[in-house]
Protein backbone atom coordinates (compact mmCIF):
# COMPACT_ATOMS: atom_id res chain seq x y z
CA MET A 1 79.63 87.13 71.02
CA GLU A 2 82.26 88.08 73.68
CA LYS A 3 81.36 90.44 76.44
CA GLU A 4 83.91 93.25 76.84
CA ILE A 5 84.83 94.35 80.41
CA LEU A 6 87.69 96.62 81.65
CA PHE A 7 89.95 95.35 84.29
CA ALA A 8 91.32 98.33 86.36
CA THR A 9 94.88 96.93 86.53
CA ASN A 10 98.21 97.13 84.73
CA ASN A 11 99.47 93.90 86.50
CA ALA A 12 99.88 91.31 83.52
CA HIS A 13 99.90 88.40 86.06
CA LYS A 14 96.64 89.43 87.56
CA LEU A 15 95.11 89.84 84.00
CA GLU A 16 96.08 86.27 82.98
CA GLU A 17 94.91 84.72 86.13
CA VAL A 18 91.37 86.38 85.86
CA ARG A 19 91.30 85.57 82.09
CA ALA A 20 91.91 81.94 82.82
CA ILE A 21 89.13 81.72 85.53
CA LEU A 22 86.63 83.76 83.58
CA GLY A 23 86.92 81.49 80.50
CA ASP A 24 85.39 81.88 77.04
CA GLY A 25 82.86 84.64 76.29
CA TYR A 26 84.74 87.54 77.76
CA ARG A 27 87.20 89.97 76.34
CA LEU A 28 89.23 91.67 79.18
CA VAL A 29 90.19 95.07 78.14
CA THR A 30 93.29 96.76 79.86
CA LEU A 31 93.53 100.33 81.15
CA ARG A 32 96.07 101.21 78.40
CA GLU A 33 93.65 99.96 75.67
CA LYS A 34 91.11 102.52 77.03
CA GLY A 35 93.79 105.29 77.17
CA VAL A 36 93.89 105.35 81.00
CA THR A 37 97.63 105.90 81.74
CA GLU A 38 97.60 107.83 85.03
CA GLU A 39 98.08 106.26 88.40
CA ILE A 40 94.62 105.06 89.75
CA PRO A 41 93.82 106.57 93.24
CA GLU A 42 93.86 104.33 96.27
CA GLU A 43 93.13 106.60 99.15
CA GLN A 44 90.46 104.80 101.30
CA PRO A 45 90.91 103.32 104.71
CA THR A 46 89.56 100.07 103.81
CA ILE A 47 90.32 97.41 101.27
CA GLU A 48 86.61 97.51 99.93
CA GLY A 49 86.88 101.32 99.80
CA ASN A 50 89.94 101.18 97.61
CA ALA A 51 88.60 98.60 95.15
CA LEU A 52 85.33 100.68 94.80
CA GLN A 53 87.39 103.88 94.40
CA LYS A 54 89.43 102.34 91.65
CA ALA A 55 86.43 101.02 89.74
CA ARG A 56 84.44 104.28 90.15
CA TYR A 57 87.44 106.29 88.85
CA VAL A 58 87.95 104.15 85.86
CA HIS A 59 84.13 104.00 85.21
CA ALA A 60 83.98 107.80 85.35
CA ARG A 61 86.78 108.15 82.85
CA THR A 62 85.66 105.53 80.29
CA GLY A 63 82.01 104.80 80.87
CA ALA A 64 82.76 101.10 80.47
CA ASP A 65 81.67 98.14 82.50
CA CYS A 66 84.81 97.66 84.73
CA PHE A 67 86.08 95.94 87.82
CA ALA A 68 88.97 96.57 90.19
CA ASP A 69 90.48 94.61 93.09
CA ASP A 70 92.37 95.36 96.22
CA THR A 71 94.17 93.02 98.55
CA GLY A 72 95.63 93.19 102.04
CA LEU A 73 97.32 90.94 104.54
CA GLU A 74 95.70 91.26 108.02
CA VAL A 75 97.79 90.00 110.92
CA ALA A 76 95.80 89.38 114.19
CA ALA A 77 98.62 90.30 116.59
CA LEU A 78 99.12 93.51 114.81
CA GLY A 79 95.42 94.62 114.97
CA GLY A 80 94.77 93.72 111.32
CA ALA A 81 97.93 95.58 109.99
CA PRO A 82 99.31 96.01 107.39
CA GLY A 83 95.78 95.61 105.92
CA VAL A 84 94.92 98.32 103.40
CA ARG A 85 98.57 99.56 103.59
CA SER A 86 100.08 96.05 102.75
CA ALA A 87 101.79 97.35 99.45
CA ARG A 88 103.18 100.44 101.13
CA TYR A 89 103.75 99.01 104.71
CA ALA A 90 107.48 99.91 104.89
CA THR A 91 107.88 102.44 102.23
CA ASP A 92 105.79 104.43 99.79
CA GLY A 93 106.96 102.31 96.92
CA HIS A 94 105.98 98.73 96.41
CA ASP A 95 109.10 97.29 98.10
CA PHE A 96 107.90 93.94 99.25
CA GLU A 97 111.22 92.69 100.56
CA ALA A 98 111.27 95.73 102.94
CA ASN A 99 107.65 95.21 103.75
CA VAL A 100 108.43 91.49 104.72
CA ARG A 101 111.38 92.53 106.69
CA LEU A 102 109.25 95.06 108.67
CA LEU A 103 106.33 92.47 109.16
CA LEU A 104 108.87 89.83 110.51
CA HIS A 105 110.53 92.49 112.76
CA ASN A 106 107.16 93.50 114.14
CA LEU A 107 106.29 89.89 114.96
CA GLU A 108 109.62 89.09 116.64
CA GLY A 109 108.79 87.21 119.88
CA VAL A 110 105.05 87.12 119.14
CA ALA A 111 103.54 83.64 119.48
CA ASP A 112 100.20 84.41 117.88
CA ARG A 113 101.08 84.55 114.10
CA ARG A 114 97.58 84.11 112.78
CA ALA A 115 96.83 86.10 109.64
CA ARG A 116 94.59 86.26 106.59
CA PHE A 117 94.78 87.43 103.02
CA ARG A 118 91.69 89.30 101.86
CA THR A 119 90.81 90.41 98.32
CA VAL A 120 87.82 92.45 97.43
CA ILE A 121 86.74 92.84 93.74
CA ALA A 122 84.46 95.87 92.91
CA LEU A 123 82.36 95.59 89.83
CA ILE A 124 80.41 98.26 88.01
CA LEU A 125 78.09 96.53 85.48
CA ASP A 126 75.26 98.32 83.72
CA GLY A 127 75.72 101.23 86.19
CA GLU A 128 75.33 98.98 89.32
CA GLU A 129 77.98 98.29 91.80
CA HIS A 130 78.77 94.90 93.27
CA THR A 131 81.57 93.44 95.40
CA PHE A 132 82.94 89.96 95.86
CA GLU A 133 85.28 88.91 98.66
CA GLY A 134 88.00 86.18 99.05
CA ILE A 135 89.73 85.17 102.23
CA VAL A 136 92.44 82.59 103.02
CA ASN A 137 93.48 82.13 106.65
CA GLY A 138 96.94 81.12 107.65
CA THR A 139 99.99 81.97 109.72
CA ILE A 140 103.13 84.06 109.24
CA THR A 141 106.45 82.11 109.28
CA GLU A 142 109.51 83.10 111.33
CA ALA A 143 111.48 83.57 108.03
CA PRO A 144 110.83 83.66 104.23
CA CYS A 145 110.33 80.22 102.65
CA GLY A 146 110.37 79.74 98.82
CA VAL A 147 111.06 81.87 95.69
CA GLY A 148 107.62 81.87 93.90
CA GLY A 149 104.68 84.20 94.02
CA PHE A 150 105.10 87.73 95.08
CA GLY A 151 104.53 90.25 97.97
CA TYR A 152 104.01 88.38 101.31
CA ASP A 153 103.80 84.89 99.76
CA PRO A 154 107.20 83.69 101.23
CA VAL A 155 105.99 84.29 104.84
CA PHE A 156 102.29 83.13 104.56
CA VAL A 157 101.35 79.45 105.13
CA PRO A 158 97.69 78.81 104.54
CA ASP A 159 95.84 76.74 107.00
CA GLY A 160 95.89 73.06 106.32
CA TYR A 161 99.14 73.24 104.18
CA GLY A 162 102.77 72.73 105.21
CA GLU A 163 104.32 75.18 102.80
CA SER A 164 104.20 78.97 102.08
CA PHE A 165 102.49 80.49 99.02
CA ALA A 166 105.92 80.99 97.55
CA GLN A 167 106.72 77.29 97.68
CA MET A 168 103.43 76.31 95.87
CA SER A 169 102.93 76.07 92.22
CA ALA A 170 100.85 78.80 90.77
CA GLU A 171 98.03 76.32 90.10
CA ALA A 172 98.04 75.13 93.63
CA LYS A 173 98.04 78.64 95.00
CA ASN A 174 95.31 79.96 92.77
CA ALA A 175 93.05 77.02 93.68
CA ILE A 176 92.89 78.21 97.39
CA SER A 177 94.08 81.76 97.38
CA HIS A 178 91.99 84.89 98.32
CA ARG A 179 92.17 86.25 94.88
CA GLY A 180 91.19 83.05 93.34
CA VAL A 181 88.07 82.72 95.59
CA ALA A 182 87.01 86.38 94.85
CA VAL A 183 87.60 85.98 91.04
CA ARG A 184 85.52 82.66 90.93
CA ARG A 185 82.74 84.46 92.84
CA PHE A 186 82.97 87.32 90.39
CA ALA A 187 83.05 84.93 87.42
CA GLU A 188 79.90 83.00 88.66
CA PHE A 189 78.03 86.33 88.93
CA MET A 190 79.16 87.43 85.54
CA LYS A 191 78.10 84.06 83.91
CA GLY A 192 74.70 84.45 85.56
CA ASN A 193 74.31 87.92 84.10
CA ARG A 194 75.00 87.02 80.59
CA LYS A 195 72.39 88.62 78.21
CA ASP A 196 73.04 86.75 74.92
């Protein structure tokens, strides 16, 4: 019997990615299927805080076992910015071209271009909260490279690789990405907690 779990996202790309990693035995339910159509609040000062806030909000509305994620790009020379504000770095909307332009502008002439992507998944299962983290370290390029992916992918080169996330295939990126690591940790936990 499939275990039903609600994923607090309306991002179809994320949904498919998580579904593929979780594998059989789970039915991922969307916010729309549960009648949650409003914007989910993200008002916390940390990535963990946002993931937990989203999961708690959805759990309070639906009572369902659920999980949410939040991701940020943390740049060493910028004191960890854009961090929790990664999606709204340049504007209040999710204008990633503007975000990338601002990031590159803020790093002009900066030699230290170390950065990391960090994802936190917050799970509420049987009323208990759990978090799972995924990190990938890398550097910020001088200019965008590649057309794949989304967000900051064109300017992020993971350590040990010679191309940006936007130049990699989806499979290659998911094998090493922050979200991929966090989802695999989440999936292992879920598989260890099956009660059937």
